[in-house]
């Protein structure tokens, strides 16, 4: 019936039908009528969706909680989602407020209190890795490969 279907998470699964994506319940009925260009599953009550080339987040009624304004985005983990603005990654909270200003070449999800980030976009290799906390403080500032502070 569907061209593609994702896994169920938080009671819904993303499906593709006739080139568009939406969500279904476990009984196969549509969660809402809204359709999107691309989707990721629900996480923390919000689903990542792409509409007209931009990414945003909807709730289980299909209403945009965070408007589609981002070049790229990741799903929420621990009330933080990575978002790309002007080619740089930062983080927003579940209300769409900026939690960490976009300034990183890449950013990974918060699987706890820290997220791995890279901060050397001009090289493009992402090799200057470090860790930030949920407020954006650099707990381990990004360092070049082989960097060692006081280590042999």
N, C-alpha and C. Protein backbone atom coordinates (compact mmCIF):
# COMPACT_ATOMS: atom_id res chain seq x y z
N UNK A 1 0.82 -1.19 0.00
CA UNK A 1 0.00 0.00 0.00
C UNK A 1 0.87 1.26 0.00
N UNK A 2 1.98 1.25 0.76
CA UNK A 2 2.85 2.42 0.84
C UNK A 2 4.11 2.21 0.01
N UNK A 3 4.66 3.31 -0.50
CA UNK A 3 5.93 3.24 -1.24
C UNK A 3 7.09 2.99 -0.30
N UNK A 4 6.95 3.43 0.94
CA UNK A 4 7.98 3.27 1.96
C UNK A 4 7.32 3.45 3.32
N UNK A 5 7.88 2.82 4.34
CA UNK A 5 7.34 2.96 5.69
C UNK A 5 8.46 2.87 6.70
N UNK A 6 8.40 3.71 7.73
CA UNK A 6 9.40 3.70 8.79
C UNK A 6 8.92 2.87 9.97
N UNK A 7 9.71 2.90 11.02
CA UNK A 7 9.38 2.19 12.25
C UNK A 7 8.40 3.00 13.07
N UNK A 8 7.62 2.28 13.88
CA UNK A 8 6.72 2.97 14.81
C UNK A 8 7.52 3.45 16.01
N UNK A 9 7.30 4.69 16.35
CA UNK A 9 7.91 5.27 17.54
C UNK A 9 6.92 6.28 18.08
N UNK A 10 6.68 6.23 19.38
CA UNK A 10 5.70 7.11 20.03
C UNK A 10 4.33 6.99 19.38
N UNK A 11 3.98 5.76 18.94
CA UNK A 11 2.64 5.49 18.42
C UNK A 11 2.39 5.87 16.98
N UNK A 12 3.42 6.28 16.25
CA UNK A 12 3.23 6.67 14.85
C UNK A 12 4.42 6.23 14.00
N UNK A 13 4.16 6.03 12.72
CA UNK A 13 5.23 5.70 11.77
C UNK A 13 5.13 6.61 10.56
N UNK A 14 6.27 7.02 10.04
CA UNK A 14 6.30 7.82 8.82
C UNK A 14 6.11 6.89 7.63
N UNK A 15 5.27 7.31 6.68
CA UNK A 15 5.04 6.52 5.47
C UNK A 15 5.13 7.44 4.25
N UNK A 16 5.46 6.82 3.12
CA UNK A 16 5.51 7.55 1.85
C UNK A 16 4.44 6.98 0.94
N UNK A 17 3.63 7.85 0.36
CA UNK A 17 2.56 7.45 -0.53
C UNK A 17 2.46 8.48 -1.65
N UNK A 18 2.63 8.01 -2.87
CA UNK A 18 2.54 8.87 -4.05
C UNK A 18 3.50 10.06 -3.98
N UNK A 19 4.72 9.81 -3.49
CA UNK A 19 5.76 10.84 -3.47
C UNK A 19 5.73 11.78 -2.28
N UNK A 20 4.73 11.70 -1.44
CA UNK A 20 4.64 12.56 -0.26
C UNK A 20 4.71 11.71 1.00
N UNK A 21 5.07 12.35 2.12
CA UNK A 21 5.20 11.63 3.38
C UNK A 21 4.21 12.17 4.41
N UNK A 22 3.75 11.26 5.24
CA UNK A 22 2.87 11.61 6.36
C UNK A 22 3.06 10.54 7.43
N UNK A 23 2.14 10.47 8.38
CA UNK A 23 2.27 9.53 9.49
C UNK A 23 0.99 8.71 9.65
N UNK A 24 1.17 7.46 10.08
CA UNK A 24 0.02 6.60 10.36
C UNK A 24 0.08 6.12 11.81
N UNK A 25 -1.09 5.73 12.31
CA UNK A 25 -1.20 5.07 13.61
C UNK A 25 -0.97 3.57 13.41
N UNK A 26 -0.90 2.85 14.50
CA UNK A 26 -0.68 1.40 14.42
C UNK A 26 -1.82 0.66 13.74
N UNK A 27 -3.02 1.24 13.75
CA UNK A 27 -4.15 0.59 13.06
C UNK A 27 -4.18 0.92 11.57
N UNK A 28 -3.20 1.70 11.08
CA UNK A 28 -3.11 2.01 9.66
C UNK A 28 -3.80 3.29 9.24
N UNK A 29 -4.53 3.93 10.15
CA UNK A 29 -5.20 5.19 9.80
C UNK A 29 -4.19 6.34 9.87
N UNK A 30 -4.46 7.36 9.08
CA UNK A 30 -3.57 8.52 9.07
C UNK A 30 -3.68 9.30 10.37
N UNK A 31 -2.55 9.75 10.86
CA UNK A 31 -2.51 10.52 12.11
C UNK A 31 -3.14 11.90 11.90
N UNK A 32 -2.93 12.47 10.70
CA UNK A 32 -3.50 13.77 10.31
C UNK A 32 -3.42 13.87 8.79
N UNK A 33 -3.98 14.92 8.22
CA UNK A 33 -4.03 15.06 6.76
C UNK A 33 -2.80 15.70 6.14
N UNK A 34 -2.03 16.41 6.91
CA UNK A 34 -0.87 17.15 6.41
C UNK A 34 0.12 16.19 5.74
N UNK A 35 0.71 16.62 4.61
CA UNK A 35 1.73 15.84 3.90
C UNK A 35 2.99 16.68 3.78
N UNK A 36 4.13 15.98 3.65
CA UNK A 36 5.43 16.64 3.65
C UNK A 36 6.33 16.06 2.56
N UNK A 37 7.41 16.79 2.28
CA UNK A 37 8.40 16.33 1.30
C UNK A 37 9.28 15.22 1.88
N UNK A 38 9.54 15.28 3.19
CA UNK A 38 10.35 14.27 3.87
C UNK A 38 9.99 14.32 5.36
N UNK A 39 10.33 13.25 6.07
CA UNK A 39 9.99 13.17 7.49
C UNK A 39 11.02 12.32 8.23
N UNK A 40 11.03 12.47 9.53
CA UNK A 40 11.69 11.55 10.45
C UNK A 40 10.66 11.27 11.54
N UNK A 41 10.79 10.17 12.24
CA UNK A 41 9.79 9.77 13.21
C UNK A 41 9.65 10.72 14.39
N UNK A 42 8.61 10.48 15.17
CA UNK A 42 8.38 11.28 16.37
C UNK A 42 9.39 10.95 17.45
N UNK A 43 9.86 11.98 18.10
CA UNK A 43 10.76 11.83 19.24
C UNK A 43 10.45 13.00 20.16
N UNK A 44 10.19 12.69 21.42
CA UNK A 44 9.84 13.70 22.42
C UNK A 44 8.61 14.50 22.00
N UNK A 45 7.67 13.80 21.33
CA UNK A 45 6.39 14.41 20.96
C UNK A 45 6.41 15.24 19.70
N UNK A 46 7.57 15.37 19.05
CA UNK A 46 7.68 16.16 17.82
C UNK A 46 8.30 15.34 16.71
N UNK A 47 7.82 15.57 15.50
CA UNK A 47 8.40 14.90 14.33
C UNK A 47 9.10 15.92 13.45
N UNK A 48 10.26 15.55 12.98
CA UNK A 48 11.03 16.37 12.06
C UNK A 48 10.43 16.20 10.67
N UNK A 49 10.09 17.32 10.02
CA UNK A 49 9.48 17.27 8.69
C UNK A 49 10.09 18.33 7.77
N UNK A 50 10.08 18.01 6.49
CA UNK A 50 10.60 18.93 5.48
C UNK A 50 9.44 19.38 4.59
N UNK A 51 9.34 20.69 4.41
CA UNK A 51 8.30 21.26 3.57
C UNK A 51 8.89 22.42 2.78
N UNK A 52 8.75 22.38 1.48
CA UNK A 52 9.27 23.43 0.60
C UNK A 52 10.75 23.69 0.83
N UNK A 53 11.53 22.61 1.03
CA UNK A 53 12.98 22.72 1.13
C UNK A 53 13.53 23.08 2.50
N UNK A 54 12.67 23.28 3.48
CA UNK A 54 13.11 23.64 4.84
C UNK A 54 12.57 22.65 5.85
N UNK A 55 13.30 22.52 6.97
CA UNK A 55 12.94 21.58 8.03
C UNK A 55 12.33 22.29 9.23
N UNK A 56 11.34 21.63 9.83
CA UNK A 56 10.69 22.11 11.04
C UNK A 56 10.14 20.92 11.81
N UNK A 57 9.29 21.18 12.80
CA UNK A 57 8.78 20.12 13.66
C UNK A 57 7.28 20.27 13.86
N UNK A 58 6.56 19.15 13.77
CA UNK A 58 5.12 19.13 14.00
C UNK A 58 4.79 18.27 15.21
N UNK A 59 3.61 18.54 15.78
CA UNK A 59 3.11 17.70 16.86
C UNK A 59 2.20 16.62 16.26
N UNK A 60 1.54 15.86 17.09
CA UNK A 60 0.72 14.74 16.60
C UNK A 60 -0.61 15.16 16.00
N UNK A 61 -0.89 16.46 15.97
CA UNK A 61 -2.07 16.95 15.24
C UNK A 61 -1.67 17.42 13.83
N UNK A 62 -0.36 17.46 13.56
CA UNK A 62 0.14 17.95 12.28
C UNK A 62 0.44 19.43 12.29
N UNK A 63 0.23 20.09 13.41
CA UNK A 63 0.48 21.52 13.53
C UNK A 63 1.98 21.78 13.73
N UNK A 64 2.48 22.80 13.07
CA UNK A 64 3.88 23.16 13.27
C UNK A 64 4.08 23.78 14.64
N UNK A 65 4.92 23.16 15.45
CA UNK A 65 5.33 23.70 16.74
C UNK A 65 6.57 24.56 16.51
N UNK A 66 7.41 24.13 15.58
CA UNK A 66 8.60 24.87 15.17
C UNK A 66 8.55 24.97 13.65
N UNK A 67 8.40 26.16 13.14
CA UNK A 67 8.21 26.38 11.71
C UNK A 67 9.38 25.86 10.88
N UNK A 68 9.11 25.47 9.63
CA UNK A 68 10.18 24.96 8.76
C UNK A 68 11.05 26.10 8.22
N UNK A 69 12.12 26.39 8.96
CA UNK A 69 13.02 27.48 8.58
C UNK A 69 14.47 27.03 8.49
N UNK A 70 14.74 25.76 8.77
CA UNK A 70 16.12 25.29 8.88
C UNK A 70 16.59 24.58 7.62
N UNK A 71 17.86 24.80 7.26
CA UNK A 71 18.46 24.14 6.10
C UNK A 71 18.52 22.63 6.30
N UNK A 72 18.88 22.24 7.50
CA UNK A 72 18.91 20.83 7.91
C UNK A 72 18.58 20.80 9.39
N UNK A 73 18.19 19.62 9.87
CA UNK A 73 17.87 19.47 11.29
C UNK A 73 17.92 18.00 11.67
N UNK A 74 18.06 17.75 12.95
CA UNK A 74 18.03 16.40 13.51
C UNK A 74 16.88 16.30 14.49
N UNK A 75 16.47 15.09 14.80
CA UNK A 75 15.41 14.87 15.78
C UNK A 75 15.86 15.28 17.18
N UNK A 76 14.88 15.44 18.05
CA UNK A 76 15.16 15.83 19.43
C UNK A 76 15.70 14.66 20.26
N UNK A 77 16.67 14.97 21.10
CA UNK A 77 17.19 14.07 22.13
C UNK A 77 17.44 14.95 23.35
N UNK A 78 16.82 14.61 24.47
CA UNK A 78 17.02 15.36 25.70
C UNK A 78 16.74 16.86 25.53
N UNK A 79 15.61 17.17 24.89
CA UNK A 79 15.15 18.55 24.68
C UNK A 79 16.13 19.41 23.87
N UNK A 80 16.90 18.80 23.01
CA UNK A 80 17.76 19.55 22.10
C UNK A 80 17.72 18.90 20.72
N UNK A 81 17.63 19.73 19.69
CA UNK A 81 17.71 19.25 18.32
C UNK A 81 18.75 20.08 17.59
N UNK A 82 19.61 19.42 16.85
CA UNK A 82 20.58 20.12 16.02
C UNK A 82 19.89 20.74 14.83
N UNK A 83 20.23 22.00 14.53
CA UNK A 83 19.67 22.70 13.38
C UNK A 83 20.78 23.44 12.64
N UNK A 84 20.64 23.50 11.32
CA UNK A 84 21.62 24.21 10.50
C UNK A 84 21.04 25.54 10.01
N UNK A 85 21.81 26.61 10.24
CA UNK A 85 21.47 27.95 9.79
C UNK A 85 22.71 28.53 9.12
N UNK A 86 22.58 28.96 7.88
CA UNK A 86 23.70 29.52 7.12
C UNK A 86 24.92 28.60 7.13
N UNK A 87 24.68 27.30 6.99
CA UNK A 87 25.76 26.33 6.89
C UNK A 87 26.41 25.95 8.20
N UNK A 88 25.91 26.44 9.32
CA UNK A 88 26.49 26.15 10.64
C UNK A 88 25.45 25.45 11.51
N UNK A 89 25.94 24.55 12.37
CA UNK A 89 25.07 23.80 13.27
C UNK A 89 25.01 24.43 14.66
N UNK A 90 23.80 24.45 15.22
CA UNK A 90 23.56 24.85 16.59
C UNK A 90 22.43 23.98 17.12
N UNK A 91 21.80 24.40 18.22
CA UNK A 91 20.76 23.59 18.84
C UNK A 91 19.59 24.46 19.28
N UNK A 92 18.39 23.88 19.18
CA UNK A 92 17.19 24.52 19.70
C UNK A 92 16.57 23.61 20.76
N UNK A 93 15.69 24.19 21.59
CA UNK A 93 14.94 23.38 22.54
C UNK A 93 13.57 23.06 21.94
N UNK A 94 12.75 22.32 22.67
CA UNK A 94 11.45 21.88 22.18
C UNK A 94 10.44 22.98 21.93
N UNK A 95 10.73 24.19 22.35
CA UNK A 95 9.87 25.34 22.07
C UNK A 95 10.39 26.14 20.87
N UNK A 96 11.50 25.67 20.29
CA UNK A 96 12.06 26.36 19.13
C UNK A 96 13.01 27.49 19.48
N UNK A 97 13.32 27.63 20.76
CA UNK A 97 14.25 28.68 21.19
C UNK A 97 15.68 28.22 20.98
N UNK A 98 16.55 29.14 20.58
CA UNK A 98 17.95 28.82 20.37
C UNK A 98 18.60 28.51 21.72
N UNK A 99 19.15 27.32 21.84
CA UNK A 99 19.85 26.91 23.07
C UNK A 99 21.36 27.06 22.89
N UNK A 100 21.84 26.82 21.66
CA UNK A 100 23.26 26.96 21.32
C UNK A 100 23.32 27.61 19.94
N UNK A 101 23.95 28.75 19.87
CA UNK A 101 24.05 29.49 18.61
C UNK A 101 24.71 28.63 17.53
N UNK A 102 24.20 28.67 16.29
CA UNK A 102 24.82 27.92 15.20
C UNK A 102 26.21 28.47 14.86
N UNK A 103 27.24 27.66 15.14
CA UNK A 103 28.61 28.07 14.84
C UNK A 103 29.53 26.89 14.57
N UNK A 104 28.99 25.69 14.54
CA UNK A 104 29.81 24.49 14.41
C UNK A 104 29.70 23.88 13.01
N UNK A 105 30.79 23.24 12.59
CA UNK A 105 30.80 22.54 11.30
C UNK A 105 29.85 21.35 11.34
N UNK A 106 29.75 20.71 12.49
CA UNK A 106 28.79 19.63 12.69
C UNK A 106 28.51 19.50 14.17
N UNK A 107 27.42 18.85 14.46
CA UNK A 107 27.04 18.61 15.85
C UNK A 107 26.29 17.30 15.96
N UNK A 108 26.54 16.57 17.00
CA UNK A 108 25.86 15.30 17.24
C UNK A 108 24.79 15.51 18.30
N UNK A 109 23.93 14.54 18.48
CA UNK A 109 22.83 14.69 19.42
C UNK A 109 23.30 14.60 20.87
N UNK A 110 22.49 15.16 21.75
CA UNK A 110 22.74 15.11 23.19
C UNK A 110 22.22 13.78 23.72
N UNK A 111 23.11 12.84 23.88
CA UNK A 111 22.70 11.55 24.42
C UNK A 111 22.81 11.58 25.93
N UNK A 112 22.87 12.71 26.50
CA UNK A 112 22.98 12.96 27.93
C UNK A 112 23.15 14.46 28.08
N UNK A 113 24.12 14.84 28.84
CA UNK A 113 24.35 16.26 29.08
C UNK A 113 25.34 16.89 28.10
N UNK A 114 26.03 16.07 27.31
CA UNK A 114 27.04 16.60 26.39
C UNK A 114 26.76 16.17 24.96
N UNK A 115 27.20 17.01 24.02
CA UNK A 115 27.14 16.67 22.59
C UNK A 115 28.50 16.92 21.97
N UNK A 116 28.89 16.03 21.08
CA UNK A 116 30.14 16.19 20.34
C UNK A 116 29.92 17.20 19.22
N UNK A 117 30.86 18.13 19.07
CA UNK A 117 30.79 19.13 17.99
C UNK A 117 32.15 19.20 17.30
N UNK A 118 32.13 19.68 16.06
CA UNK A 118 33.38 19.95 15.35
C UNK A 118 33.41 21.42 15.00
N UNK A 119 34.61 21.96 14.97
CA UNK A 119 34.75 23.41 14.87
C UNK A 119 35.89 23.81 13.94
N UNK A 120 35.98 23.14 12.82
CA UNK A 120 37.03 23.49 11.88
C UNK A 120 36.49 23.41 10.45
N UNK A 121 35.46 24.21 10.13
CA UNK A 121 34.79 24.08 8.84
C UNK A 121 35.66 24.39 7.63
N UNK A 122 36.66 25.26 7.78
CA UNK A 122 37.47 25.59 6.60
C UNK A 122 38.27 24.41 6.08
N UNK A 123 38.59 23.44 6.94
CA UNK A 123 39.27 22.23 6.48
C UNK A 123 38.27 21.23 5.95
N UNK A 124 37.04 21.29 6.45
CA UNK A 124 36.00 20.42 5.97
C UNK A 124 36.10 18.98 6.40
N UNK A 125 37.08 18.66 7.25
CA UNK A 125 37.24 17.26 7.65
C UNK A 125 36.64 16.96 9.01
N UNK A 126 36.15 17.97 9.70
CA UNK A 126 35.51 17.76 10.99
C UNK A 126 36.42 17.19 12.04
N UNK A 127 37.71 17.39 11.91
CA UNK A 127 38.64 16.72 12.80
C UNK A 127 38.86 17.45 14.12
N UNK A 128 38.43 18.68 14.25
CA UNK A 128 38.61 19.42 15.50
C UNK A 128 37.41 19.16 16.39
N UNK A 129 37.41 18.06 17.09
CA UNK A 129 36.26 17.66 17.90
C UNK A 129 36.36 18.13 19.33
N UNK A 130 35.21 18.39 19.92
CA UNK A 130 35.11 18.75 21.32
C UNK A 130 33.71 18.45 21.80
N UNK A 131 33.40 18.86 23.04
CA UNK A 131 32.08 18.60 23.61
C UNK A 131 31.53 19.87 24.23
N UNK A 132 30.22 20.07 24.04
CA UNK A 132 29.53 21.20 24.67
C UNK A 132 28.45 20.67 25.60
N UNK A 133 28.06 21.51 26.57
CA UNK A 133 26.93 21.13 27.42
C UNK A 133 25.65 21.69 26.81
N UNK A 134 24.53 21.46 27.45
CA UNK A 134 23.23 21.81 26.91
C UNK A 134 23.01 23.32 26.76
N UNK A 135 23.83 24.12 27.42
CA UNK A 135 23.75 25.58 27.28
C UNK A 135 24.77 26.11 26.28
N UNK A 136 25.57 25.23 25.71
CA UNK A 136 26.54 25.64 24.70
C UNK A 136 27.93 25.92 25.21
N UNK A 137 28.16 25.71 26.52
CA UNK A 137 29.51 25.92 27.05
C UNK A 137 30.41 24.79 26.56
N UNK A 138 31.59 25.17 26.11
CA UNK A 138 32.55 24.17 25.63
C UNK A 138 33.22 23.51 26.83
N UNK A 139 32.78 22.30 27.14
CA UNK A 139 33.33 21.53 28.26
C UNK A 139 34.71 21.02 27.88
N UNK A 140 34.83 20.52 26.68
CA UNK A 140 36.11 20.12 26.09
C UNK A 140 36.20 20.89 24.77
N UNK A 141 36.91 22.01 24.73
CA UNK A 141 36.96 22.79 23.50
C UNK A 141 37.50 21.97 22.33
N UNK A 142 36.98 22.20 21.13
CA UNK A 142 37.50 21.49 19.95
C UNK A 142 38.99 21.72 19.79
N UNK A 143 39.71 20.64 19.54
CA UNK A 143 41.17 20.67 19.39
C UNK A 143 41.55 19.95 18.10
N UNK A 144 42.69 20.31 17.52
CA UNK A 144 43.14 19.64 16.29
C UNK A 144 43.56 18.20 16.58
N UNK A 145 43.63 17.37 15.54
CA UNK A 145 44.07 15.99 15.72
C UNK A 145 45.46 15.95 16.33
N UNK A 146 45.67 15.03 17.25
CA UNK A 146 46.98 14.88 17.88
C UNK A 146 47.26 15.86 18.99
N UNK A 147 46.33 16.80 19.25
CA UNK A 147 46.53 17.78 20.31
C UNK A 147 46.60 17.06 21.64
N UNK A 148 47.54 17.48 22.47
CA UNK A 148 47.62 16.90 23.81
C UNK A 148 48.12 17.95 24.77
N UNK A 149 47.29 18.25 25.74
CA UNK A 149 47.62 19.27 26.73
C UNK A 149 48.24 18.59 27.96
N UNK A 150 49.56 18.69 28.06
CA UNK A 150 50.26 18.10 29.22
C UNK A 150 50.32 16.59 29.20
N UNK A 151 50.06 15.99 28.03
CA UNK A 151 50.14 14.54 27.94
C UNK A 151 51.32 14.14 27.09
N UNK A 152 51.97 13.03 27.41
CA UNK A 152 53.14 12.60 26.62
C UNK A 152 52.79 12.23 25.20
